Amino acid sequence: MQRSLAELEQILRGRICRVCSDRRDDGSCGLEKPADCAIFRYLPEVARAIQTTESDDVTDYLRAIRSQVCSVCFQQAADGSCEVREEVRCALDAYLILIVDAIEEATGRTFARPVQQCVWTPQQPLTLLPAVQRQN
């Protein structure tokens, strides 16, 4: 199912902005410059990176975001480092799993969790740990 960028933006604002740690009590964006939010500033690139990645492994989506979005972001340094990302102030990085889920669902694809579990909070960087194996 194809969705317009406007539809994807509306879906993402409904899912991400309401849980964003930068949100004010009145529901408005608390960023000094809301237009600098990487999710919406680079929405065409974000949508393309997610829609062209078919994987059940979130690290594949992370690679796609790093190569197709972070590489053109004004916040990233020439060496690939990003102070905003390292300080967990990049909403795209902090909410990547929610963003992938929303776009995949909106376009009719599913994102199945692999044999890994995700450990994440908005205040911590994304970390993948092996899933606990069952004892038989």
Protein backbone atom coordinates (compact mmCIF):
# COMPACT_ATOMS: atom_id res chain seq x y z
CA MET A 1 0.00 0.00 0.00
CA GLN A 2 1.41 3.36 -1.00
CA ARG A 3 1.09 6.31 1.35
CA SER A 4 1.87 9.92 0.63
CA LEU A 5 4.54 11.71 2.65
CA ALA A 6 1.80 13.82 4.21
CA GLU A 7 0.00 10.67 5.38
CA LEU A 8 3.23 9.19 6.76
CA GLU A 9 3.99 12.45 8.54
CA GLN A 10 0.55 12.48 10.14
CA ILE A 11 0.94 8.86 11.26
CA LEU A 12 4.41 9.50 12.68
CA ARG A 13 3.33 12.66 14.48
CA GLY A 14 0.49 10.69 16.06
CA ARG A 15 2.75 7.88 17.22
CA ILE A 16 6.11 9.48 17.91
CA CYS A 17 5.40 13.04 19.02
CA ARG A 18 3.00 11.90 21.73
CA VAL A 19 5.77 9.85 23.41
CA CYS A 20 8.71 12.10 22.56
CA SER A 21 10.80 13.19 25.52
CA ASP A 22 10.98 16.71 23.99
CA ARG A 23 7.20 17.14 24.10
CA ARG A 24 5.85 19.89 26.34
CA ASP A 25 2.99 19.37 28.79
CA ASP A 26 0.59 21.04 26.35
CA GLY A 27 1.55 18.51 23.64
CA SER A 28 3.57 20.93 21.54
CA CYS A 29 7.15 20.30 20.42
CA GLY A 30 9.71 21.39 22.97
CA LEU A 31 12.62 21.65 20.56
CA GLU A 32 14.12 25.11 20.19
CA LYS A 33 13.72 24.68 16.42
CA PRO A 34 11.01 22.04 15.76
CA ALA A 35 11.94 22.07 12.06
CA ASP A 36 15.30 20.54 13.03
CA CYS A 37 13.68 17.27 14.19
CA ALA A 38 15.46 14.71 12.02
CA ILE A 39 12.33 12.58 11.62
CA PHE A 40 10.43 15.28 9.78
CA ARG A 41 13.30 17.30 8.34
CA TYR A 42 14.43 14.19 6.43
CA LEU A 43 11.08 12.42 6.10
CA PRO A 44 11.47 11.59 2.37
CA GLU A 45 14.86 10.00 3.04
CA VAL A 46 13.60 8.24 6.18
CA ALA A 47 10.59 6.78 4.36
CA ARG A 48 12.74 5.67 1.42
CA ALA A 49 15.34 4.04 3.68
CA ILE A 50 12.70 2.09 5.57
CA GLN A 51 10.60 1.15 2.56
CA THR A 52 13.63 -0.13 0.62
CA THR A 53 14.81 -2.29 3.52
CA GLU A 54 13.20 -5.68 3.90
CA SER A 55 14.45 -7.34 7.02
CA ASP A 56 13.34 -8.60 10.39
CA ASP A 57 16.58 -7.28 11.89
CA VAL A 58 16.46 -3.70 13.15
CA THR A 59 20.20 -3.33 12.54
CA ASP A 60 19.50 -3.47 8.78
CA TYR A 61 17.15 -0.52 9.19
CA LEU A 62 19.72 1.27 11.33
CA ARG A 63 22.34 0.78 8.58
CA ALA A 64 19.91 2.13 5.98
CA ILE A 65 19.16 5.19 8.11
CA ARG A 66 22.87 5.84 8.74
CA SER A 67 23.75 5.58 5.04
CA GLN A 68 20.71 7.31 3.51
CA VAL A 69 19.70 9.85 6.15
CA CYS A 70 22.51 10.52 8.62
CA SER A 71 24.96 10.88 5.73
CA VAL A 72 23.05 13.97 4.49
CA CYS A 73 22.13 15.38 7.92
CA PHE A 74 23.71 18.72 8.80
CA GLN A 75 24.30 17.47 12.37
CA GLN A 76 26.64 14.64 11.35
CA ALA A 77 30.36 15.41 11.10
CA ALA A 78 32.43 14.46 8.07
CA ASP A 79 33.92 11.49 9.96
CA GLY A 80 30.42 10.04 10.54
CA SER A 81 30.20 11.00 14.19
CA CYS A 82 27.19 12.87 15.48
CA GLU A 83 27.15 14.71 18.77
CA VAL A 84 23.34 14.96 18.71
CA ARG A 85 23.01 11.21 18.22
CA GLU A 86 25.69 10.43 20.82
CA GLU A 87 23.88 12.61 23.36
CA VAL A 88 20.60 10.79 22.56
CA ARG A 89 19.03 14.00 21.30
CA CYS A 90 18.23 12.73 17.79
CA ALA A 91 14.57 11.69 17.67
CA LEU A 92 15.18 9.63 14.53
CA ASP A 93 17.77 7.55 16.33
CA ALA A 94 15.95 7.43 19.68
CA TYR A 95 12.61 6.35 18.21
CA LEU A 96 13.83 4.28 15.26
CA ILE A 97 11.96 1.11 16.20
CA LEU A 98 8.68 3.00 16.59
CA ILE A 99 9.28 4.79 13.29
CA VAL A 100 9.99 1.53 11.44
CA ASP A 101 6.90 -0.08 12.97
CA ALA A 102 4.68 2.87 12.01
CA ILE A 103 5.92 3.10 8.42
CA GLU A 104 5.87 -0.66 7.89
CA GLU A 105 2.33 -0.89 9.27
CA ALA A 106 1.15 2.12 7.26
CA THR A 107 2.47 0.60 4.05
CA GLY A 108 1.10 -2.86 4.74
CA ARG A 109 4.37 -4.58 5.66
CA THR A 110 5.16 -6.18 8.97
CA PHE A 111 8.28 -5.98 11.05
CA ALA A 112 8.76 -9.24 12.92
CA ARG A 113 11.15 -9.18 15.82
CA PRO A 114 14.07 -11.56 15.21
CA VAL A 115 15.83 -13.74 17.74
CA GLN A 116 16.97 -10.60 19.49
CA GLN A 117 15.25 -8.43 21.96
CA CYS A 118 15.54 -4.71 22.01
CA VAL A 119 16.51 -2.88 25.15
CA TRP A 120 15.78 0.82 24.80
CA THR A 121 14.48 3.92 26.49
CA PRO A 122 14.43 7.45 25.04
CA GLN A 123 17.25 8.41 27.40
CA GLN A 124 19.57 5.59 26.26
CA PRO A 125 21.07 4.68 22.90
CA LEU A 126 19.63 1.73 21.01
CA THR A 127 21.20 -1.55 22.19
CA LEU A 128 20.50 -5.01 20.86
CA LEU A 129 20.97 -8.03 23.08
CA PRO A 130 20.66 -11.71 22.20
CA ALA A 131 17.34 -13.15 23.27
CA VAL A 132 17.25 -15.47 26.23
CA GLN A 133 17.18 -19.04 24.98
CA ARG A 134 14.64 -21.46 26.39
CA GLN A 135 15.80 -24.23 28.62
CA ASN A 136 14.31 -27.60 27.59
